[in-house]
Amino acid sequence: MIEEILSHYLPPIEAEMRRVLDLPGDLLTGHYGMLRYHMGWVDQQLQPALVNSGKRVRPVLVLLACEATGSPADQALPAAAAVELLHNFSLIHDDIEDDSPTRRHRPTVWALWGRPQAINAGDAMFTLSRTALAGLPARGLSAERTLEAFHIFDETCLRLTEGQYLDMSFENRMDVTVDEYLTMIAGKTAALVGASLELGALIGGSAPDQRQHLAEFGRHLGLAFQIQDDILGIWGDEALTGKSAESDILTRKKSLPVIYALRSPEVGPALASRYTQPMDIADIPEVLELLLRAGARQYTEQMAQQATDLALEALHASGVLFEQNQAGQALLELAKALLDRRQ
């Protein structure tokens, strides 16, 4: 079902983003080529290519929210493109800040063209995300609602940077609390998902209370998605996830299970000792045992379920009539698929 939904809504989103990232002239081929490379449209030689570029769920949520609340999905295409370009701006800069040489099994922009050019490319992607959003009036949205869309968008940009600040500041800390971690992912992950639903509902013409319910649905959906990702990063099936099981342990990532276990009086000191020095494959069984003794997996699964329940509660409170609304039904099906991840 999820693949059918994505295959229906993705082509116009891709077309809109390609229009925004169109090459303005030969002299700037390299500049725009870096952006198009990151989006998965060209290879390292800037020749056309088809590579994994992610599911692009966020822009699809924009279109579904718009259609489910009363307007044609294509009216929200500028916002859908803006959301996805903003997300990719954050990824280009995250890769630099995290010193990540690869993304989706390809070299990152900075690894190929250097950090200065990658920073500039990220800045360009951010600017083009706002350029995309400025296309809303041409799709029939009023000046007042367009201005409101920009306010939501800019507030979300700020939440993203706050989340990234916290994420980087946590790297050398062993005393991060669960509440601090949840605040971080609320900014880094959940804020943009919530904004995707809120923007779609705004463009769709929904009332403020419905918009807020849909935004709340998106925020809890984002939290549940990230917490599930934390579970998969340690206990996921490599055949399904495509990355090595326990990969988050080897990189000493302080995901929710680890943060919870670090606060345990019983195993916290031993786990902290392991996380202050390099890991290799031989250390994994010890770490897994410490996480087991702390009850970290059970706790994290409970947190994921709590976020899932709150997301679905907010979605139903929005008043979208799923049985009578094809887009609303698709929104519910997509949500259920994202909230029951195995990969």
Protein backbone atom coordinates (compact mmCIF):
# COMPACT_ATOMS: atom_id res chain seq x y z
CA MET A 1 0.00 0.00 0.00
CA ILE A 2 2.75 2.44 0.95
CA GLU A 3 4.52 1.89 -2.38
CA GLU A 4 1.28 2.64 -4.26
CA ILE A 5 0.81 5.88 -2.34
CA LEU A 6 4.39 6.98 -2.94
CA SER A 7 4.34 6.06 -6.63
CA HIS A 8 1.20 8.17 -7.13
CA TYR A 9 2.40 11.33 -5.38
CA LEU A 10 6.16 11.29 -5.96
CA PRO A 11 6.41 12.04 -9.73
CA PRO A 12 4.92 15.57 -9.51
CA ILE A 13 7.04 16.28 -6.42
CA GLU A 14 10.19 15.21 -8.27
CA ALA A 15 9.21 17.36 -11.25
CA GLU A 16 8.69 20.38 -9.01
CA MET A 17 12.05 19.94 -7.30
CA ARG A 18 13.85 19.48 -10.62
CA ARG A 19 12.27 22.71 -11.82
CA VAL A 20 13.56 24.56 -8.76
CA LEU A 21 17.05 23.06 -9.13
CA ASP A 22 17.23 23.63 -12.89
CA LEU A 23 20.67 24.58 -14.18
CA PRO A 24 20.78 28.34 -14.98
CA GLY A 25 23.92 28.20 -17.15
CA ASP A 26 27.07 26.27 -18.06
CA LEU A 27 29.30 28.29 -15.75
CA LEU A 28 27.34 27.03 -12.73
CA THR A 29 27.14 23.38 -13.82
CA GLY A 30 29.37 22.28 -10.96
CA HIS A 31 27.45 24.23 -8.33
CA TYR A 32 24.04 22.92 -9.28
CA GLY A 33 25.58 19.56 -10.10
CA MET A 34 26.49 19.06 -6.44
CA LEU A 35 22.87 19.69 -5.44
CA ARG A 36 21.56 17.34 -8.10
CA TYR A 37 24.13 14.72 -7.09
CA HIS A 38 22.97 14.88 -3.49
CA MET A 39 19.35 14.50 -4.64
CA GLY A 40 20.31 11.31 -6.48
CA TRP A 41 19.71 12.62 -10.00
CA VAL A 42 23.31 12.52 -11.31
CA ASP A 43 26.49 10.57 -10.63
CA GLN A 44 29.93 11.83 -9.59
CA GLN A 45 30.61 12.92 -13.18
CA LEU A 46 27.30 14.84 -13.07
CA GLN A 47 25.79 12.51 -15.64
CA PRO A 48 22.14 11.42 -15.31
CA ALA A 49 21.70 8.58 -12.85
CA LEU A 50 19.00 6.83 -10.88
CA VAL A 51 20.11 6.07 -7.33
CA ASN A 52 18.45 5.60 -3.96
CA SER A 53 17.30 8.99 -2.76
CA GLY A 54 15.10 7.90 0.14
CA LYS A 55 11.34 7.51 0.29
CA ARG A 56 10.61 11.27 0.28
CA VAL A 57 7.83 10.71 2.83
CA ARG A 58 7.73 14.29 4.12
CA PRO A 59 6.64 15.94 0.85
CA VAL A 60 4.08 13.19 0.31
CA LEU A 61 2.61 14.02 3.72
CA VAL A 62 2.27 17.65 2.59
CA LEU A 63 0.21 16.64 -0.44
CA LEU A 64 -1.91 14.13 1.48
CA ALA A 65 -2.74 16.68 4.20
CA CYS A 66 -3.69 19.26 1.58
CA GLU A 67 -5.94 16.87 -0.33
CA ALA A 68 -7.44 15.34 2.82
CA THR A 69 -8.48 18.80 4.04
CA GLY A 70 -10.22 19.92 0.89
CA SER A 71 -7.91 21.18 -1.86
CA PRO A 72 -6.23 19.54 -4.88
CA ALA A 73 -2.86 18.06 -3.99
CA ASP A 74 -1.04 19.97 -6.73
CA GLN A 75 -1.81 23.26 -4.98
CA ALA A 76 0.65 22.19 -2.28
CA LEU A 77 3.46 21.12 -4.64
CA PRO A 78 5.60 24.22 -3.89
CA ALA A 79 5.42 23.42 -0.17
CA ALA A 80 6.14 19.73 -0.75
CA ALA A 81 9.25 20.61 -2.76
CA ALA A 82 10.29 23.17 -0.13
CA VAL A 83 10.02 20.64 2.70
CA GLU A 84 12.11 18.04 0.89
CA LEU A 85 14.76 20.55 -0.18
CA LEU A 86 14.97 21.85 3.39
CA HIS A 87 15.44 18.30 4.65
CA ASN A 88 18.25 17.76 2.14
CA PHE A 89 19.92 21.04 3.08
CA SER A 90 20.11 19.71 6.63
CA LEU A 91 21.58 16.42 5.42
CA ILE A 92 24.37 18.11 3.44
CA HIS A 93 25.38 20.11 6.50
CA ASP A 94 24.88 17.15 8.88
CA ASP A 95 27.32 15.09 6.82
CA ILE A 96 29.95 17.81 7.21
CA GLU A 97 29.30 18.28 10.92
CA ASP A 98 29.26 14.52 11.58
CA ASP A 99 32.33 13.90 9.37
CA SER A 100 30.30 11.29 7.44
CA PRO A 101 32.04 10.18 4.22
CA THR A 102 29.03 8.29 2.83
CA ARG A 103 25.25 8.56 2.64
CA ARG A 104 23.05 5.88 1.12
CA HIS A 105 26.16 3.97 0.02
CA ARG A 106 27.58 6.91 -1.98
CA PRO A 107 30.26 9.48 -1.13
CA THR A 108 28.80 12.59 0.46
CA VAL A 109 29.03 15.99 -1.20
CA TRP A 110 31.86 17.16 1.07
CA ALA A 111 33.80 13.92 0.53
CA LEU A 112 33.80 14.55 -3.22
CA TRP A 113 34.09 18.33 -3.50
CA GLY A 114 35.47 19.42 -0.13
CA ARG A 115 33.93 21.05 2.91
CA PRO A 116 33.88 24.68 1.68
CA GLN A 117 31.98 23.80 -1.51
CA ALA A 118 29.66 21.49 0.43
CA ILE A 119 28.82 24.23 2.95
CA ASN A 120 28.03 26.55 0.06
CA ALA A 121 25.95 23.85 -1.64
CA GLY A 122 23.96 23.36 1.56
CA ASP A 123 23.37 27.09 1.79
CA ALA A 124 22.12 27.07 -1.80
CA MET A 125 19.76 24.16 -1.05
CA PHE A 126 18.35 26.08 1.91
CA THR A 127 17.79 29.19 -0.18
CA LEU A 128 16.16 27.19 -2.96
CA SER A 129 13.81 25.58 -0.44
CA ARG A 130 12.43 29.05 0.31
CA THR A 131 12.36 29.85 -3.40
CA ALA A 132 10.21 26.76 -3.89
CA LEU A 133 7.80 27.84 -1.15
CA ALA A 134 7.44 31.24 -2.84
CA GLY A 135 5.62 29.43 -5.66
CA LEU A 136 2.46 29.06 -3.55
CA PRO A 137 0.67 32.21 -4.81
CA ALA A 138 1.04 30.99 -8.39
CA ARG A 139 -0.92 27.90 -7.29
CA GLY A 140 -3.77 30.05 -5.99
CA LEU A 141 -2.88 30.49 -2.31
CA SER A 142 -3.69 33.87 -0.81
CA ALA A 143 -0.95 36.26 0.27
CA GLU A 144 -2.09 35.92 3.88
CA ARG A 145 -1.84 32.13 3.88
CA THR A 146 1.45 32.22 1.99
CA LEU A 147 2.90 34.48 4.68
CA GLU A 148 1.63 32.05 7.33
CA ALA A 149 3.27 29.17 5.44
CA PHE A 150 6.59 31.03 5.50
CA HIS A 151 6.22 31.57 9.25
CA ILE A 152 5.69 27.83 9.84
CA PHE A 153 8.59 27.04 7.52
CA ASP A 154 11.04 29.44 9.18
CA GLU A 155 10.11 28.31 12.68
CA THR A 156 10.79 24.76 11.57
CA CYS A 157 14.21 25.74 10.19
CA LEU A 158 15.07 27.11 13.62
CA ARG A 159 13.90 23.90 15.33
CA LEU A 160 16.16 21.90 13.00
CA THR A 161 19.23 23.92 13.95
CA GLU A 162 18.35 23.64 17.64
CA GLY A 163 18.06 19.89 17.34
CA GLN A 164 21.38 19.65 15.51
CA TYR A 165 23.06 21.83 18.15
CA LEU A 166 21.85 19.51 20.90
CA ASP A 167 22.85 16.41 18.94
CA MET A 168 26.41 17.66 18.52
CA SER A 169 26.62 18.90 22.11
CA PHE A 170 25.62 15.44 23.38
CA GLU A 171 28.53 13.70 21.63
CA ASN A 172 31.01 14.13 24.49
CA ARG A 173 28.52 13.88 27.34
CA MET A 174 27.69 10.75 29.33
CA ASP A 175 25.04 12.45 31.46
CA VAL A 176 22.43 13.15 28.77
CA THR A 177 18.94 12.54 30.14
CA VAL A 178 16.03 10.92 28.32
CA ASP A 179 14.13 14.22 28.39
CA GLU A 180 17.09 16.03 26.83
CA TYR A 181 17.31 13.39 24.12
CA LEU A 182 13.59 13.64 23.37
CA THR A 183 13.93 17.42 23.10
CA MET A 184 16.76 16.92 20.60
CA ILE A 185 14.83 14.56 18.31
CA ALA A 186 11.73 16.75 18.62
CA GLY A 187 13.76 19.43 16.86
CA LYS A 188 15.97 17.40 14.58
CA THR A 189 13.40 14.87 13.34
CA ALA A 190 9.85 15.52 14.51
CA ALA A 191 9.60 19.25 13.78
CA LEU A 192 9.82 18.87 10.00
CA VAL A 193 7.33 16.00 9.93
CA GLY A 194 4.89 18.09 11.95
CA ALA A 195 5.44 21.08 9.66
CA SER A 196 4.78 18.93 6.60
CA LEU A 197 1.31 18.08 7.88
CA GLU A 198 0.63 21.61 9.10
CA LEU A 199 1.65 23.19 5.79
CA GLY A 200 -0.49 20.77 3.82
CA ALA A 201 -3.49 21.45 6.05
CA LEU A 202 -2.97 25.21 5.83
CA ILE A 203 -2.88 25.09 2.04
CA GLY A 204 -5.85 22.74 2.04
CA GLY A 205 -7.92 25.39 3.82
CA SER A 206 -8.46 23.63 7.13
CA ALA A 207 -9.44 25.43 10.32
CA PRO A 208 -6.71 26.21 12.91
CA ASP A 209 -7.79 23.46 15.31
CA GLN A 210 -7.65 20.78 12.60
CA ARG A 211 -4.25 22.08 11.50
CA GLN A 212 -2.95 21.80 15.04
CA HIS A 213 -4.19 18.23 15.40
CA LEU A 214 -2.49 17.28 12.13
CA ALA A 215 0.72 19.04 13.18
CA GLU A 216 0.64 17.18 16.49
CA PHE A 217 0.10 13.94 14.61
CA GLY A 218 3.19 14.71 12.53
CA ARG A 219 5.34 15.54 15.53
CA HIS A 220 4.46 12.31 17.33
CA LEU A 221 4.89 10.41 14.07
CA GLY A 222 8.41 11.86 13.77
CA LEU A 223 9.24 10.91 17.35
CA ALA A 224 7.98 7.36 16.88
CA PHE A 225 9.92 7.05 13.62
CA GLN A 226 13.20 8.14 15.24
CA ILE A 227 12.75 5.95 18.32
CA GLN A 228 12.06 2.96 16.07
CA ASP A 229 15.21 3.86 14.14
CA ASP A 230 17.13 3.73 17.43
CA ILE A 231 15.80 0.21 18.02
CA LEU A 232 16.69 -0.93 14.50
CA GLY A 233 20.18 0.55 14.80
CA ILE A 234 20.98 -1.96 17.56
CA TRP A 235 18.58 -4.88 17.17
CA GLY A 236 17.45 -4.56 13.53
CA ASP A 237 17.57 -7.34 10.96
CA GLU A 238 20.51 -6.56 8.66
CA ALA A 239 18.74 -8.28 5.75
CA LEU A 240 15.89 -5.76 6.06
CA THR A 241 17.63 -2.58 7.18
CA GLY A 242 20.53 -2.80 4.73
CA LYS A 243 23.09 -1.89 7.38
CA SER A 244 25.07 -3.95 9.83
CA ALA A 245 23.16 -5.00 12.92
CA GLU A 246 24.46 -3.23 16.03
CA SER A 247 25.95 -0.52 13.77
CA ASP A 248 24.98 2.16 16.28
CA ILE A 249 27.05 0.39 18.92
CA LEU A 250 30.17 0.30 16.78
CA THR A 251 29.89 4.04 16.12
CA ARG A 252 29.11 4.67 19.83
CA LYS A 253 25.94 6.49 18.91
CA LYS A 254 24.06 7.72 21.98
CA SER A 255 20.61 6.65 20.88
CA LEU A 256 17.68 6.29 23.27
CA PRO A 257 18.45 2.71 24.46
CA VAL A 258 22.02 3.71 25.31
CA ILE A 259 21.00 6.94 27.06
CA TYR A 260 18.45 5.04 29.13
CA ALA A 261 21.01 2.38 30.09
CA LEU A 262 23.66 4.99 30.94
CA ARG A 263 21.29 6.33 33.61
CA SER A 264 20.99 2.89 35.19
CA PRO A 265 22.80 2.62 38.57
CA GLU A 266 23.44 -1.06 37.87
CA VAL A 267 25.04 -0.94 34.42
CA GLY A 268 25.56 2.77 33.71
CA PRO A 269 29.18 3.04 34.90
CA ALA A 270 30.29 -0.04 32.95
CA LEU A 271 28.50 1.13 29.81
CA ALA A 272 29.98 4.62 30.13
CA SER A 273 33.43 3.08 30.36
CA ARG A 274 32.87 1.18 27.12
CA TYR A 275 31.51 4.30 25.35
CA THR A 276 34.55 6.42 26.17
CA GLN A 277 36.87 4.27 24.05
CA PRO A 278 36.81 2.87 20.49
CA MET A 279 34.60 -0.17 19.84
CA ASP A 280 35.18 -3.18 17.68
CA ILE A 281 33.05 -6.18 16.84
CA ALA A 282 34.34 -8.12 19.84
CA ASP A 283 32.85 -5.52 22.23
CA ILE A 284 29.30 -5.85 20.94
CA PRO A 285 28.19 -8.87 23.06
CA GLU A 286 29.24 -7.08 26.27
CA VAL A 287 27.35 -3.92 25.31
CA LEU A 288 24.25 -5.90 24.33
CA GLU A 289 24.35 -7.68 27.67
CA LEU A 290 24.54 -4.37 29.52
CA LEU A 291 21.60 -3.02 27.53
CA LEU A 292 19.65 -6.20 28.31
CA ARG A 293 20.33 -5.92 32.03
CA ALA A 294 19.17 -2.30 31.99
CA GLY A 295 15.92 -3.21 30.22
CA ALA A 296 16.82 -0.72 27.50
CA ARG A 297 15.07 -2.45 24.61
CA GLN A 298 11.83 -2.91 26.52
CA TYR A 299 11.88 0.72 27.64
CA THR A 300 12.57 2.02 24.13
CA GLU A 301 9.83 -0.13 22.61
CA GLN A 302 7.41 1.24 25.20
CA MET A 303 8.42 4.79 24.28
CA ALA A 304 7.91 4.04 20.58
CA GLN A 305 4.46 2.63 21.32
CA GLN A 306 3.55 5.66 23.40
CA ALA A 307 4.52 8.02 20.57
CA THR A 308 2.61 5.82 18.10
CA ASP A 309 -0.54 5.92 20.22
CA LEU A 310 -0.34 9.70 20.56
CA ALA A 311 0.20 10.11 16.81
CA LEU A 312 -2.86 8.06 15.88
CA GLU A 313 -4.92 9.75 18.59
CA ALA A 314 -4.07 13.18 17.13
CA LEU A 315 -4.79 11.99 13.59
CA HIS A 316 -8.25 10.75 14.55
CA ALA A 317 -8.91 13.94 16.54
CA SER A 318 -8.21 15.97 13.38
CA GLY A 319 -11.64 15.11 12.05
CA VAL A 320 -10.40 13.77 8.72
CA LEU A 321 -13.10 11.30 7.59
CA PHE A 322 -10.97 8.39 6.42
CA GLU A 323 -13.82 6.24 5.10
CA GLN A 324 -15.17 9.07 2.92
CA ASN A 325 -11.87 10.66 1.95
CA GLN A 326 -9.42 8.85 -0.33
CA ALA A 327 -6.50 11.09 0.60
CA GLY A 328 -7.38 10.76 4.28
CA GLN A 329 -7.41 6.99 3.94
CA ALA A 330 -4.01 7.13 2.23
CA LEU A 331 -2.71 9.34 5.04
CA LEU A 332 -3.88 6.81 7.63
CA GLU A 333 -2.37 3.88 5.70
CA LEU A 334 0.95 5.68 5.27
CA ALA A 335 1.00 6.54 8.96
CA LYS A 336 0.36 2.92 9.96
CA ALA A 337 3.17 1.74 7.66
CA LEU A 338 5.62 4.25 9.13
CA LEU A 339 4.56 3.42 12.66
CA ASP A 340 5.07 -0.32 12.20
CA ARG A 341 8.55 -0.33 10.71
CA ARG A 342 10.80 -3.34 10.37
CA GLN A 343 13.45 -1.61 8.26
